[in-house]
Amino acid sequence: MSQLETEKCLNHPKFKQLTRARARFSLSFSLIIAVIYGVYVLGMSYAPDLMARPVTDGGTMTYGILLAMLGIINGIICSGIYTWWANRKFDVLNRELLKELGHE
């Protein structure tokens, strides 16, 4: 791709829309994952008794294990949603951009 084509792509409204949407979407999911992980780390640091307490009386599942499992499940769900959304929205915008730039 030549310098002129690169500048044309970078200044195209669809490219700007695509990059803004991707950044906003990925930042949102990164924050969700970071908050859950942060709660886990803070809980282990400042409330170890709570994190070691069983969820049910006589049970072996602790709040710490439960929160860790929820963090892993949250990461998997966020990855799945991002992939689904990217295939549904971002790929469409990308194809439209390439078509408008004459690269399809």
Protein backbone atom coordinates (compact mmCIF):
# COMPACT_ATOMS: atom_id res chain seq x y z
CA MET A 1 0.00 0.00 0.00
CA SER A 2 1.44 3.35 -1.01
CA GLN A 3 1.74 6.36 1.28
CA LEU A 4 -1.19 8.02 -0.51
CA GLU A 5 -3.40 4.95 -0.05
CA THR A 6 -2.40 4.71 3.59
CA GLU A 7 -3.33 8.35 4.23
CA LYS A 8 -6.60 7.89 2.35
CA CYS A 9 -7.43 4.90 4.57
CA LEU A 10 -6.41 6.62 7.81
CA ASN A 11 -8.53 9.69 7.00
CA HIS A 12 -11.58 7.74 5.85
CA PRO A 13 -14.65 8.21 8.11
CA LYS A 14 -15.36 4.46 8.21
CA PHE A 15 -11.80 3.75 9.36
CA LYS A 16 -12.16 6.31 12.14
CA GLN A 17 -15.55 4.84 13.09
CA LEU A 18 -14.08 1.33 13.11
CA THR A 19 -11.06 2.24 15.24
CA ARG A 20 -13.18 4.22 17.74
CA ALA A 21 -15.72 1.40 18.05
CA ARG A 22 -13.00 -1.24 18.52
CA ALA A 23 -11.17 0.82 21.10
CA ARG A 24 -14.33 1.61 23.07
CA PHE A 25 -15.54 -1.99 22.98
CA SER A 26 -12.23 -3.57 23.95
CA LEU A 27 -11.64 -0.98 26.69
CA SER A 28 -15.06 -1.77 28.18
CA PHE A 29 -14.33 -5.47 28.34
CA SER A 30 -10.82 -4.89 29.66
CA LEU A 31 -12.24 -2.78 32.47
CA ILE A 32 -14.82 -5.44 33.36
CA ILE A 33 -12.13 -8.11 33.56
CA ALA A 34 -9.75 -5.82 35.48
CA VAL A 35 -12.42 -4.90 38.05
CA ILE A 36 -13.27 -8.53 38.77
CA TYR A 37 -9.60 -9.46 39.00
CA GLY A 38 -8.97 -6.40 41.19
CA VAL A 39 -11.78 -7.37 43.56
CA TYR A 40 -10.22 -10.83 43.85
CA VAL A 41 -6.74 -9.46 44.59
CA LEU A 42 -8.06 -6.88 47.06
CA GLY A 43 -10.19 -9.52 48.74
CA MET A 44 -7.21 -11.82 49.15
CA SER A 45 -5.11 -8.93 50.48
CA TYR A 46 -7.53 -7.16 52.79
CA ALA A 47 -10.19 -9.75 53.62
CA PRO A 48 -8.43 -13.12 53.76
CA ASP A 49 -10.85 -14.39 56.43
CA LEU A 50 -13.82 -13.67 54.18
CA MET A 51 -12.14 -15.23 51.15
CA ALA A 52 -11.32 -18.36 53.19
CA ARG A 53 -14.85 -18.67 54.56
CA PRO A 54 -16.96 -21.47 53.04
CA VAL A 55 -19.93 -20.35 50.95
CA THR A 56 -22.20 -22.80 52.78
CA ASP A 57 -21.92 -24.19 56.30
CA GLY A 58 -19.78 -27.32 56.21
CA GLY A 59 -18.96 -26.82 52.53
CA THR A 60 -15.53 -26.83 50.94
CA MET A 61 -16.17 -24.11 48.34
CA THR A 62 -14.80 -20.82 49.69
CA TYR A 63 -15.62 -17.30 48.58
CA GLY A 64 -12.07 -16.98 47.24
CA ILE A 65 -12.42 -20.06 45.03
CA LEU A 66 -15.87 -18.91 43.91
CA LEU A 67 -14.60 -15.45 42.97
CA ALA A 68 -11.61 -16.95 41.12
CA MET A 69 -13.93 -19.24 39.16
CA LEU A 70 -16.23 -16.32 38.36
CA GLY A 71 -13.21 -14.36 37.10
CA ILE A 72 -12.24 -17.20 34.76
CA ILE A 73 -15.81 -17.66 33.55
CA ASN A 74 -16.13 -13.89 33.07
CA GLY A 75 -12.98 -13.87 30.92
CA ILE A 76 -14.32 -16.68 28.76
CA ILE A 77 -17.71 -14.99 28.36
CA CYS A 78 -16.14 -11.61 27.55
CA SER A 79 -13.88 -13.24 24.95
CA GLY A 80 -16.85 -15.00 23.37
CA ILE A 81 -18.95 -11.83 23.27
CA TYR A 82 -16.06 -9.84 21.82
CA THR A 83 -15.47 -12.45 19.11
CA TRP A 84 -19.17 -12.62 18.26
CA TRP A 85 -19.48 -8.82 18.17
CA ALA A 86 -16.30 -8.39 16.14
CA ASN A 87 -17.49 -10.90 13.55
CA ARG A 88 -20.93 -9.30 13.44
CA LYS A 89 -20.04 -5.58 13.46
CA PHE A 90 -16.34 -4.90 13.00
CA ASP A 91 -15.85 -7.28 10.08
CA VAL A 92 -18.80 -5.68 8.29
CA LEU A 93 -17.31 -2.21 8.76
CA ASN A 94 -13.93 -3.51 7.63
CA ARG A 95 -15.40 -5.01 4.44
CA GLU A 96 -17.31 -1.79 3.71
CA LEU A 97 -14.13 0.24 4.18
CA LEU A 98 -12.11 -2.03 1.88
CA LYS A 99 -14.87 -1.89 -0.73
CA GLU A 100 -15.01 1.91 -0.62
CA LEU A 101 -11.22 2.08 -0.91
CA GLY A 102 -11.29 -0.31 -3.88
CA HIS A 103 -9.41 -3.18 -2.21
CA GLU A 104 -12.06 -5.87 -2.38
